[in-house]
PDB file of N, CA and C in Angstrom:
ATOM      1  N   UNK A   1      94.954 147.603  82.484  1.00  0.00           N
ATOM      2  CA  UNK A   1      95.213 146.654  81.280  1.00  0.00           C
ATOM      3  C   UNK A   1      94.561 147.262  80.147  1.00  0.00           C
ATOM      4  N   UNK A   2      95.196 147.225  79.075  1.00  0.00           N
ATOM      5  CA  UNK A   2      94.581 147.789  77.793  1.00  0.00           C
ATOM      6  C   UNK A   2      94.195 146.641  76.883  1.00  0.00           C
ATOM      7  N   UNK A   3      93.238 146.788  75.983  1.00  0.00           N
ATOM      8  CA  UNK A   3      92.582 145.768  75.086  1.00  0.00           C
ATOM      9  C   UNK A   3      93.774 145.115  74.205  1.00  0.00           C
ATOM     10  N   UNK A   4      94.633 146.125  73.805  1.00  0.00           N
ATOM     11  CA  UNK A   4      95.747 145.600  72.993  1.00  0.00           C
ATOM     12  C   UNK A   4      96.854 144.780  73.554  1.00  0.00           C
ATOM     13  N   UNK A   5      97.006 144.669  74.890  1.00  0.00           N
ATOM     14  CA  UNK A   5      97.961 144.001  75.640  1.00  0.00           C
ATOM     15  C   UNK A   5      97.399 142.550  75.788  1.00  0.00           C
ATOM     16  N   UNK A   6      95.948 142.324  75.711  1.00  0.00           N
ATOM     17  CA  UNK A   6      95.484 140.992  75.971  1.00  0.00           C
ATOM     18  C   UNK A   6      95.515 140.227  74.550  1.00  0.00           C
ATOM     19  N   UNK A   7      95.704 140.564  73.442  1.00  0.00           N
ATOM     20  CA  UNK A   7      95.962 139.874  72.340  1.00  0.00           C
ATOM     21  C   UNK A   7      97.314 139.134  72.234  1.00  0.00           C
ATOM     22  N   UNK A   8      97.124 138.011  71.559  1.00  0.00           N
ATOM     23  CA  UNK A   8      98.309 137.116  71.403  1.00  0.00           C
ATOM     24  C   UNK A   8      99.324 137.711  70.439  1.00  0.00           C
ATOM     25  N   UNK A   9     100.611 137.608  70.697  1.00  0.00           N
ATOM     26  CA  UNK A   9     101.572 138.235  69.964  1.00  0.00           C
ATOM     27  C   UNK A   9     102.305 136.946  68.994  1.00  0.00           C
ATOM     28  N   UNK A  10     102.431 137.205  67.753  1.00  0.00           N
ATOM     29  CA  UNK A  10     102.896 136.178  66.806  1.00  0.00           C
ATOM     30  C   UNK A  10     101.882 135.339  66.364  1.00  0.00           C
ATOM     31  N   UNK A  11     102.256 134.125  65.993  1.00  0.00           N
ATOM     32  CA  UNK A  11     101.315 133.115  65.591  1.00  0.00           C
ATOM     33  C   UNK A  11     100.294 132.545  66.589  1.00  0.00           C
ATOM     34  N   UNK A  12      99.210 132.231  66.159  1.00  0.00           N
ATOM     35  CA  UNK A  12      98.313 131.581  67.167  1.00  0.00           C
ATOM     36  C   UNK A  12      98.686 130.177  67.481  1.00  0.00           C
ATOM     37  N   UNK A  13      98.466 129.561  68.623  1.00  0.00           N
ATOM     38  CA  UNK A  13      98.646 128.253  68.996  1.00  0.00           C
ATOM     39  C   UNK A  13      97.781 127.283  68.250  1.00  0.00           C
ATOM     40  N   UNK A  14      98.542 126.265  67.504  1.00  0.00           N
ATOM     41  CA  UNK A  14      97.590 125.203  66.834  1.00  0.00           C
ATOM     42  C   UNK A  14      98.041 123.963  67.508  1.00  0.00           C
ATOM     43  N   UNK A  15      97.002 123.312  67.931  1.00  0.00           N
ATOM     44  CA  UNK A  15      97.332 121.912  68.652  1.00  0.00           C
ATOM     45  C   UNK A  15      97.387 121.019  67.515  1.00  0.00           C
ATOM     46  N   UNK A  16      98.403 120.045  67.740  1.00  0.00           N
ATOM     47  CA  UNK A  16      98.558 118.968  66.626  1.00  0.00           C
ATOM     48  C   UNK A  16      99.294 117.581  67.356  1.00  0.00           C
ATOM     49  N   UNK A  17      99.303 116.613  66.728  1.00  0.00           N
ATOM     50  CA  UNK A  17      99.782 115.334  67.152  1.00  0.00           C
ATOM     51  C   UNK A  17     101.025 114.956  66.376  1.00  0.00           C
ATOM     52  N   UNK A  18     101.841 115.690  66.087  1.00  0.00           N
ATOM     53  CA  UNK A  18     103.129 115.399  65.138  1.00  0.00           C
ATOM     54  C   UNK A  18     104.234 114.809  65.921  1.00  0.00           C
ATOM     55  N   UNK A  19     104.510 115.299  67.197  1.00  0.00           N
ATOM     56  CA  UNK A  19     105.260 114.849  68.047  1.00  0.00           C
ATOM     57  C   UNK A  19     105.066 114.712  69.441  1.00  0.00           C
ATOM     58  N   UNK A  20     105.802 113.957  70.319  1.00  0.00           N
ATOM     59  CA  UNK A  20     105.405 113.780  71.762  1.00  0.00           C
ATOM     60  C   UNK A  20     105.686 114.803  72.504  1.00  0.00           C
ATOM     61  N   UNK A  21     104.678 115.305  73.406  1.00  0.00           N
ATOM     62  CA  UNK A  21     105.018 116.453  74.404  1.00  0.00           C
ATOM     63  C   UNK A  21     105.993 116.066  75.276  1.00  0.00           C
ATOM     64  N   UNK A  22     107.067 116.948  75.503  1.00  0.00           N
ATOM     65  CA  UNK A  22     108.120 116.673  76.542  1.00  0.00           C
ATOM     66  C   UNK A  22     107.520 116.937  78.034  1.00  0.00           C
ATOM     67  N   UNK A  23     107.489 116.140  78.764  1.00  0.00           N
ATOM     68  CA  UNK A  23     107.050 116.461  80.257  1.00  0.00           C
ATOM     69  C   UNK A  23     108.311 116.427  81.017  1.00  0.00           C
ATOM     70  N   UNK A  24     108.735 117.600  81.735  1.00  0.00           N
ATOM     71  CA  UNK A  24     109.996 117.614  82.405  1.00  0.00           C
ATOM     72  C   UNK A  24     109.693 117.239  83.872  1.00  0.00           C
ATOM     73  N   UNK A  25     109.235 116.029  84.094  1.00  0.00           N
ATOM     74  CA  UNK A  25     109.132 115.549  85.287  1.00  0.00           C
ATOM     75  C   UNK A  25     110.026 114.234  85.409  1.00  0.00           C
ATOM     76  N   UNK A  26     110.408 113.955  86.770  1.00  0.00           N
ATOM     77  CA  UNK A  26     111.263 112.725  86.969  1.00  0.00           C
ATOM     78  C   UNK A  26     110.176 111.743  87.074  1.00  0.00           C
ATOM     79  N   UNK A  27     110.707 110.385  87.580  1.00  0.00           N
ATOM     80  CA  UNK A  27     109.951 109.210  87.752  1.00  0.00           C
ATOM     81  C   UNK A  27     108.748 109.277  88.756  1.00  0.00           C
ATOM     82  N   UNK A  28     108.901 110.436  89.520  1.00  0.00           N
ATOM     83  CA  UNK A  28     107.802 110.720  90.578  1.00  0.00           C
ATOM     84  C   UNK A  28     108.023 109.640  91.930  1.00  0.00           C
ATOM     85  N   UNK A  29     107.004 109.253  92.314  1.00  0.00           N
ATOM     86  CA  UNK A  29     107.109 108.523  93.661  1.00  0.00           C
ATOM     87  C   UNK A  29     107.036 109.345  94.886  1.00  0.00           C
ATOM     88  N   UNK A  30     107.011 108.835  96.107  1.00  0.00           N
ATOM     89  CA  UNK A  30     107.038 109.333  97.308  1.00  0.00           C
ATOM     90  C   UNK A  30     108.261 109.509  98.003  1.00  0.00           C
ATOM     91  N   UNK A  31     108.777 110.555  98.503  1.00  0.00           N
ATOM     92  CA  UNK A  31     110.068 110.600  99.427  1.00  0.00           C
ATOM     93  C   UNK A  31     109.889 109.632 100.394  1.00  0.00           C
ATOM     94  N   UNK A  32     111.033 109.081 100.781  1.00  0.00           N
ATOM     95  CA  UNK A  32     111.171 107.831 101.692  1.00  0.00           C
ATOM     96  C   UNK A  32     110.695 108.390 103.138  1.00  0.00           C
ATOM     97  N   UNK A  33     110.951 109.664 103.430  1.00  0.00           N
ATOM     98  CA  UNK A  33     110.547 110.327 104.833  1.00  0.00           C
ATOM     99  C   UNK A  33     109.002 110.451 104.998  1.00  0.00           C
ATOM    100  N   UNK A  34     108.368 110.567 103.772  1.00  0.00           N
ATOM    101  CA  UNK A  34     107.022 110.714 103.880  1.00  0.00           C
ATOM    102  C   UNK A  34     106.317 109.313 103.977  1.00  0.00           C
ATOM    103  N   UNK A  35     106.946 108.202 103.281  1.00  0.00           N
ATOM    104  CA  UNK A  35     106.493 106.907 103.431  1.00  0.00           C
ATOM    105  C   UNK A  35     106.771 106.278 104.906  1.00  0.00           C
ATOM    106  N   UNK A  36     107.667 106.682 105.452  1.00  0.00           N
ATOM    107  CA  UNK A  36     108.062 106.292 106.821  1.00  0.00           C
ATOM    108  C   UNK A  36     107.024 106.845 107.790  1.00  0.00           C
ATOM    109  N   UNK A  37     106.783 108.127 107.631  1.00  0.00           N
ATOM    110  CA  UNK A  37     105.860 108.831 108.340  1.00  0.00           C
ATOM    111  C   UNK A  37     104.323 108.162 108.288  1.00  0.00           C
ATOM    112  N   UNK A  38     103.968 107.868 107.141  1.00  0.00           N
ATOM    113  CA  UNK A  38     102.680 107.279 106.899  1.00  0.00           C
ATOM    114  C   UNK A  38     102.492 105.973 107.439  1.00  0.00           C
ATOM    115  N   UNK A  39     103.736 105.162 107.384  1.00  0.00           N
ATOM    116  CA  UNK A  39     103.677 103.771 107.952  1.00  0.00           C
ATOM    117  C   UNK A  39     103.724 103.819 109.521  1.00  0.00           C
ATOM    118  N   UNK A  40     104.395 104.854 110.040  1.00  0.00           N
ATOM    119  CA  UNK A  40     104.453 104.970 111.355  1.00  0.00           C
ATOM    120  C   UNK A  40     103.153 105.560 111.964  1.00  0.00           C
ATOM    121  N   UNK A  41     102.558 106.291 111.173  1.00  0.00           N
ATOM    122  CA  UNK A  41     101.077 106.807 111.679  1.00  0.00           C
ATOM    123  C   UNK A  41     100.053 105.717 111.660  1.00  0.00           C
ATOM    124  N   UNK A  42     100.270 104.764 110.604  1.00  0.00           N
ATOM    125  CA  UNK A  42      99.231 103.678 110.518  1.00  0.00           C
ATOM    126  C   UNK A  42      99.502 102.755 111.495  1.00  0.00           C
ATOM    127  N   UNK A  43     100.698 102.393 111.864  1.00  0.00           N
ATOM    128  CA  UNK A  43     101.079 101.491 113.140  1.00  0.00           C
ATOM    129  C   UNK A  43     100.586 102.029 114.328  1.00  0.00           C
ATOM    130  N   UNK A  44     100.938 103.330 114.584  1.00  0.00           N
ATOM    131  CA  UNK A  44     100.521 103.970 115.775  1.00  0.00           C
ATOM    132  C   UNK A  44      98.981 103.903 115.779  1.00  0.00           C
ATOM    133  N   UNK A  45      98.205 104.103 114.989  1.00  0.00           N
ATOM    134  CA  UNK A  45      96.806 104.177 115.022  1.00  0.00           C
ATOM    135  C   UNK A  45      96.280 102.674 115.223  1.00  0.00           C
ATOM    136  N   UNK A  46      96.753 101.763 114.618  1.00  0.00           N
ATOM    137  CA  UNK A  46      96.313 100.444 114.917  1.00  0.00           C
ATOM    138  C   UNK A  46      96.638  99.945 116.170  1.00  0.00           C
ATOM    139  N   UNK A  47      97.779 100.484 116.723  1.00  0.00           N
ATOM    140  CA  UNK A  47      98.069 100.040 118.120  1.00  0.00           C
ATOM    141  C   UNK A  47      97.425 100.537 119.139  1.00  0.00           C
ATOM    142  N   UNK A  48      97.113 101.874 118.928  1.00  0.00           N
ATOM    143  CA  UNK A  48      96.222 102.592 119.929  1.00  0.00           C
ATOM    144  C   UNK A  48      94.747 102.095 119.954  1.00  0.00           C
ATOM    145  N   UNK A  49      94.240 101.854 118.582  1.00  0.00           N
ATOM    146  CA  UNK A  49      92.864 101.335 118.636  1.00  0.00           C
ATOM    147  C   UNK A  49      92.832  99.858 119.290  1.00  0.00           C
ATOM    148  N   UNK A  50      93.880  98.992 119.139  1.00  0.00           N
ATOM    149  CA  UNK A  50      93.800  97.731 119.677  1.00  0.00           C
ATOM    150  C   UNK A  50      94.006  97.771 121.176  1.00  0.00           C
ATOM    151  N   UNK A  51      94.650  98.791 121.760  1.00  0.00           N
ATOM    152  CA  UNK A  51      94.762  98.921 123.256  1.00  0.00           C
ATOM    153  C   UNK A  51      93.671  99.528 123.829  1.00  0.00           C
ATOM    154  N   UNK A  52      92.996 100.478 123.119  1.00  0.00           N
ATOM    155  CA  UNK A  52      91.863 101.170 123.704  1.00  0.00           C
ATOM    156  C   UNK A  52      90.507 100.780 123.409  1.00  0.00           C
ATOM    157  N   UNK A  53      90.258 100.381 122.239  1.00  0.00           N
ATOM    158  CA  UNK A  53      88.990 100.017 121.789  1.00  0.00           C
ATOM    159  C   UNK A  53      88.616  98.425 121.922  1.00  0.00           C
ATOM    160  N   UNK A  54      89.550  97.588 121.748  1.00  0.00           N
ATOM    161  CA  UNK A  54      89.127  96.149 121.937  1.00  0.00           C
ATOM    162  C   UNK A  54      88.826  95.840 123.283  1.00  0.00           C
ATOM    163  N   UNK A  55      89.433  96.261 124.472  1.00  0.00           N
ATOM    164  CA  UNK A  55      88.943  95.814 125.716  1.00  0.00           C
ATOM    165  C   UNK A  55      87.519  96.225 125.916  1.00  0.00           C
ATOM    166  N   UNK A  56      87.205  97.408 125.547  1.00  0.00           N
ATOM    167  CA  UNK A  56      85.819  97.983 125.645  1.00  0.00           C
ATOM    168  C   UNK A  56      84.740  97.275 124.728  1.00  0.00           C
ATOM    169  N   UNK A  57      85.288  96.903 123.680  1.00  0.00           N
ATOM    170  CA  UNK A  57      84.516  96.048 122.720  1.00  0.00           C
ATOM    171  C   UNK A  57      84.215  94.633 123.238  1.00  0.00           C
ATOM    172  N   UNK A  58      85.151  94.202 123.857  1.00  0.00           N
ATOM    173  CA  UNK A  58      85.023  92.730 124.492  1.00  0.00           C
ATOM    174  C   UNK A  58      84.060  92.707 125.617  1.00  0.00           C
ATOM    175  N   UNK A  59      84.281  93.971 126.428  1.00  0.00           N
ATOM    176  CA  UNK A  59      83.407  94.076 127.634  1.00  0.00           C
ATOM    177  C   UNK A  59      81.856  94.304 127.154  1.00  0.00           C
ATOM    178  N   UNK A  60      81.835  94.837 126.064  1.00  0.00           N
ATOM    179  CA  UNK A  60      80.380  95.382 125.578  1.00  0.00           C
ATOM    180  C   UNK A  60      79.789  94.007 125.051  1.00  0.00           C
ATOM    181  N   UNK A  61      80.587  93.273 124.309  1.00  0.00           N
ATOM    182  CA  UNK A  61      80.080  92.032 123.744  1.00  0.00           C
ATOM    183  C   UNK A  61      79.715  90.948 124.822  1.00  0.00           C
ATOM    184  N   UNK A  62      80.414  91.042 126.045  1.00  0.00           N
ATOM    185  CA  UNK A  62      80.173  89.910 127.017  1.00  0.00           C
ATOM    186  C   UNK A  62      78.863  90.242 127.745  1.00  0.00           C
ATOM    187  N   UNK A  63      78.320  91.277 127.689  1.00  0.00           N
ATOM    188  CA  UNK A  63      77.106  91.701 128.501  1.00  0.00           C
ATOM    189  C   UNK A  63      76.074  90.785 128.260  1.00  0.00           C
ATOM    190  N   UNK A  64      75.214  90.220 129.211  1.00  0.00           N
ATOM    191  CA  UNK A  64      74.185  89.403 128.896  1.00  0.00           C
ATOM    192  C   UNK A  64      72.925  90.131 128.471  1.00  0.00           C
TER     193      UNK A  64
END
């Protein structure tokens, strides 16, 4: 890489607020399959914790 290749070509960039910067993005959001996977994971997690942890917790709390 040469020193002359790293210098900007043409006019230097000057930042200003004259007009709105165009952002080429859509409205965004989460794809439906990702949302369904997350909801399924959360439901499965809560179900497994309820089936596995609650009986042990109840037995632990009943100890005199």
